[in-house]
Amino acid sequence: METIHKASQRMNIANAPGVQSAVSAAQAPAADGQQILVLKKALDMQSSTAATLLESLPQAPALADSGTLGRNVDTFA
């Protein structure tokens, strides 16, 4: 009978696709949570910037409420 040394028969599973996909699946919820936090921060920054831009717009001039200029629009085809 041949003697088989267990040390020489070790299998390296570090690069096996199944192991990599299992590790990725285990890490996915944590990565998803982090990506959602980054997305929320980016959306908050965009919202803040948009609000600042809207506040910086000049006020629209008041519409004419008396007189003949600027009250009527003549349209015809």
N, C-alpha and C. Protein backbone atom coordinates (compact mmCIF):
# COMPACT_ATOMS: atom_id res chain seq x y z
N MET A 1 0.82 -1.20 0.00
CA MET A 1 0.00 0.00 0.00
C MET A 1 0.86 1.25 0.00
N GLU A 2 0.36 2.20 -0.69
CA GLU A 2 1.09 3.47 -0.73
C GLU A 2 0.62 4.36 0.40
N THR A 3 1.54 5.08 0.94
CA THR A 3 1.21 6.03 1.99
C THR A 3 1.02 7.39 1.34
N ILE A 4 -0.14 7.99 1.58
CA ILE A 4 -0.43 9.30 1.00
C ILE A 4 -0.25 10.34 2.10
N HIS A 5 0.58 11.29 1.81
CA HIS A 5 0.81 12.36 2.78
C HIS A 5 -0.27 13.41 2.60
N LYS A 6 -0.94 13.72 3.68
CA LYS A 6 -2.01 14.71 3.62
C LYS A 6 -1.48 16.10 3.27
N ALA A 7 -0.29 16.40 3.68
CA ALA A 7 0.28 17.72 3.42
C ALA A 7 0.50 17.94 1.92
N SER A 8 0.82 16.89 1.20
CA SER A 8 1.07 17.06 -0.22
C SER A 8 -0.23 17.07 -1.04
N GLN A 9 -1.34 16.73 -0.43
CA GLN A 9 -2.61 16.65 -1.12
C GLN A 9 -3.52 17.85 -0.82
N ARG A 10 -3.00 18.90 -0.25
CA ARG A 10 -3.82 20.06 0.08
C ARG A 10 -4.31 20.73 -1.20
N MET A 11 -5.53 21.20 -1.12
CA MET A 11 -6.14 21.86 -2.27
C MET A 11 -6.17 23.37 -2.02
N ASN A 12 -5.75 24.12 -2.99
CA ASN A 12 -5.80 25.57 -2.88
C ASN A 12 -7.12 26.03 -3.48
N ILE A 13 -8.03 26.52 -2.64
CA ILE A 13 -9.35 26.94 -3.12
C ILE A 13 -9.47 28.47 -3.18
N ALA A 14 -8.39 29.17 -2.95
CA ALA A 14 -8.43 30.63 -2.90
C ALA A 14 -8.87 31.23 -4.24
N ASN A 15 -8.51 30.59 -5.33
CA ASN A 15 -8.82 31.15 -6.64
C ASN A 15 -9.98 30.47 -7.34
N ALA A 16 -10.68 29.61 -6.63
CA ALA A 16 -11.81 28.92 -7.24
C ALA A 16 -12.97 29.90 -7.45
N PRO A 17 -13.60 29.88 -8.61
CA PRO A 17 -14.70 30.81 -8.89
C PRO A 17 -15.86 30.69 -7.90
N GLY A 18 -16.15 29.49 -7.45
CA GLY A 18 -17.23 29.30 -6.49
C GLY A 18 -16.94 30.01 -5.16
N VAL A 19 -15.69 29.93 -4.73
CA VAL A 19 -15.30 30.59 -3.49
C VAL A 19 -15.37 32.11 -3.66
N GLN A 20 -14.90 32.59 -4.78
CA GLN A 20 -14.94 34.03 -5.02
C GLN A 20 -16.36 34.55 -5.07
N SER A 21 -17.27 33.81 -5.70
CA SER A 21 -18.65 34.27 -5.76
C SER A 21 -19.31 34.20 -4.39
N ALA A 22 -18.96 33.20 -3.58
CA ALA A 22 -19.52 33.11 -2.23
C ALA A 22 -19.03 34.26 -1.36
N VAL A 23 -17.78 34.60 -1.48
CA VAL A 23 -17.23 35.73 -0.71
C VAL A 23 -17.86 37.04 -1.17
N SER A 24 -18.02 37.18 -2.47
CA SER A 24 -18.65 38.40 -3.00
C SER A 24 -20.09 38.52 -2.53
N ALA A 25 -20.81 37.41 -2.53
CA ALA A 25 -22.20 37.43 -2.08
C ALA A 25 -22.30 37.77 -0.60
N ALA A 26 -21.33 37.31 0.18
CA ALA A 26 -21.33 37.61 1.62
C ALA A 26 -21.02 39.08 1.88
N GLN A 27 -20.20 39.68 1.02
CA GLN A 27 -19.81 41.06 1.22
C GLN A 27 -20.77 42.04 0.55
N ALA A 28 -21.67 41.58 -0.29
CA ALA A 28 -22.57 42.44 -1.06
C ALA A 28 -23.47 43.31 -0.18
N PRO A 29 -24.12 42.78 0.86
CA PRO A 29 -24.99 43.65 1.66
C PRO A 29 -24.25 44.84 2.28
N ALA A 30 -23.04 44.61 2.75
CA ALA A 30 -22.27 45.71 3.34
C ALA A 30 -21.90 46.74 2.27
N ALA A 31 -21.50 46.26 1.11
CA ALA A 31 -21.14 47.18 0.02
C ALA A 31 -22.36 47.94 -0.46
N ASP A 32 -23.51 47.27 -0.56
CA ASP A 32 -24.73 47.95 -0.98
C ASP A 32 -25.10 49.05 -0.01
N GLY A 33 -24.98 48.79 1.27
CA GLY A 33 -25.29 49.81 2.27
C GLY A 33 -24.38 51.01 2.15
N GLN A 34 -23.12 50.77 1.91
CA GLN A 34 -22.17 51.87 1.75
C GLN A 34 -22.47 52.66 0.49
N GLN A 35 -22.81 51.98 -0.59
CA GLN A 35 -23.12 52.67 -1.83
C GLN A 35 -24.39 53.50 -1.69
N ILE A 36 -25.35 53.02 -0.93
CA ILE A 36 -26.59 53.79 -0.71
C ILE A 36 -26.29 55.03 0.11
N LEU A 37 -25.42 54.93 1.11
CA LEU A 37 -25.05 56.11 1.89
C LEU A 37 -24.36 57.15 1.02
N VAL A 38 -23.47 56.71 0.15
CA VAL A 38 -22.78 57.65 -0.76
C VAL A 38 -23.79 58.31 -1.69
N LEU A 39 -24.75 57.52 -2.20
CA LEU A 39 -25.78 58.07 -3.07
C LEU A 39 -26.62 59.11 -2.35
N LYS A 40 -27.01 58.82 -1.11
CA LYS A 40 -27.81 59.78 -0.33
C LYS A 40 -27.04 61.08 -0.10
N LYS A 41 -25.77 60.97 0.21
CA LYS A 41 -24.96 62.18 0.42
C LYS A 41 -24.86 62.99 -0.86
N ALA A 42 -24.69 62.32 -1.99
CA ALA A 42 -24.60 63.02 -3.28
C ALA A 42 -25.92 63.71 -3.60
N LEU A 43 -27.04 63.04 -3.35
CA LEU A 43 -28.35 63.64 -3.60
C LEU A 43 -28.60 64.83 -2.68
N ASP A 44 -28.18 64.73 -1.42
CA ASP A 44 -28.33 65.86 -0.50
C ASP A 44 -27.51 67.06 -0.96
N MET A 45 -26.30 66.80 -1.45
CA MET A 45 -25.46 67.89 -1.93
C MET A 45 -26.09 68.53 -3.17
N GLN A 46 -26.63 67.74 -4.07
CA GLN A 46 -27.28 68.29 -5.27
C GLN A 46 -28.51 69.09 -4.89
N SER A 47 -29.26 68.60 -3.92
CA SER A 47 -30.45 69.32 -3.47
C SER A 47 -30.08 70.66 -2.87
N SER A 48 -29.05 70.67 -2.07
CA SER A 48 -28.58 71.92 -1.46
C SER A 48 -28.11 72.91 -2.52
N THR A 49 -27.37 72.42 -3.49
CA THR A 49 -26.87 73.28 -4.57
C THR A 49 -28.02 73.84 -5.39
N ALA A 50 -29.01 73.01 -5.70
CA ALA A 50 -30.16 73.46 -6.49
C ALA A 50 -30.95 74.51 -5.72
N ALA A 51 -31.13 74.32 -4.43
CA ALA A 51 -31.87 75.29 -3.62
C ALA A 51 -31.12 76.63 -3.60
N THR A 52 -29.81 76.58 -3.48
CA THR A 52 -29.00 77.80 -3.47
C THR A 52 -29.12 78.53 -4.81
N LEU A 53 -29.06 77.77 -5.90
CA LEU A 53 -29.20 78.39 -7.22
C LEU A 53 -30.57 79.03 -7.41
N LEU A 54 -31.62 78.35 -6.98
CA LEU A 54 -32.96 78.91 -7.11
C LEU A 54 -33.14 80.17 -6.28
N GLU A 55 -32.54 80.20 -5.10
CA GLU A 55 -32.63 81.39 -4.25
C GLU A 55 -31.87 82.57 -4.85
N SER A 56 -30.83 82.28 -5.63
CA SER A 56 -30.02 83.36 -6.18
C SER A 56 -30.63 83.97 -7.45
N LEU A 57 -31.66 83.37 -7.99
CA LEU A 57 -32.31 83.93 -9.18
C LEU A 57 -32.98 85.26 -8.83
N PRO A 58 -32.93 86.22 -9.74
CA PRO A 58 -33.60 87.49 -9.47
C PRO A 58 -35.13 87.29 -9.50
N GLN A 59 -35.81 88.15 -8.78
CA GLN A 59 -37.27 88.10 -8.76
C GLN A 59 -37.82 88.50 -10.13
N ALA A 60 -38.90 87.87 -10.53
CA ALA A 60 -39.53 88.20 -11.80
C ALA A 60 -40.20 89.57 -11.67
N PRO A 61 -40.14 90.38 -12.72
CA PRO A 61 -40.80 91.69 -12.63
C PRO A 61 -42.31 91.52 -12.49
N ALA A 62 -42.91 92.47 -11.83
CA ALA A 62 -44.36 92.43 -11.64
C ALA A 62 -45.07 92.64 -12.97
N LEU A 63 -46.16 91.93 -13.15
CA LEU A 63 -46.93 92.09 -14.38
C LEU A 63 -47.73 93.38 -14.33
N ALA A 64 -47.95 93.96 -15.50
CA ALA A 64 -48.74 95.19 -15.57
C ALA A 64 -50.18 94.89 -15.18
N ASP A 65 -50.74 95.74 -14.32
CA ASP A 65 -52.13 95.54 -13.92
C ASP A 65 -53.00 96.75 -14.29
N SER A 66 -52.37 97.75 -14.88
CA SER A 66 -53.15 98.90 -15.35
C SER A 66 -52.51 99.43 -16.63
N GLY A 67 -53.25 100.20 -17.38
CA GLY A 67 -52.72 100.73 -18.63
C GLY A 67 -52.99 99.78 -19.78
N THR A 68 -52.49 100.17 -20.92
CA THR A 68 -52.75 99.37 -22.12
C THR A 68 -51.55 98.55 -22.55
N LEU A 69 -50.38 98.81 -22.00
CA LEU A 69 -49.19 98.08 -22.42
C LEU A 69 -48.94 96.87 -21.51
N GLY A 70 -48.72 95.75 -22.12
CA GLY A 70 -48.33 94.56 -21.38
C GLY A 70 -49.46 93.78 -20.75
N ARG A 71 -50.70 94.14 -21.04
CA ARG A 71 -51.82 93.42 -20.44
C ARG A 71 -52.48 92.45 -21.40
N ASN A 72 -52.42 92.71 -22.66
CA ASN A 72 -53.12 91.89 -23.65
C ASN A 72 -52.13 91.33 -24.67
N VAL A 73 -52.40 90.12 -25.11
CA VAL A 73 -51.61 89.52 -26.16
C VAL A 73 -52.56 89.20 -27.30
N ASP A 74 -52.29 89.77 -28.46
CA ASP A 74 -53.11 89.48 -29.64
C ASP A 74 -52.51 88.29 -30.37
N THR A 75 -53.30 87.26 -30.48
CA THR A 75 -52.82 86.09 -31.23
C THR A 75 -53.81 85.75 -32.32
N PHE A 76 -53.31 85.39 -33.46
CA PHE A 76 -54.16 84.94 -34.55
C PHE A 76 -53.34 84.05 -35.46
N ALA A 77 -54.01 83.18 -36.13
CA ALA A 77 -53.31 82.25 -37.01
C ALA A 77 -53.54 82.62 -38.45
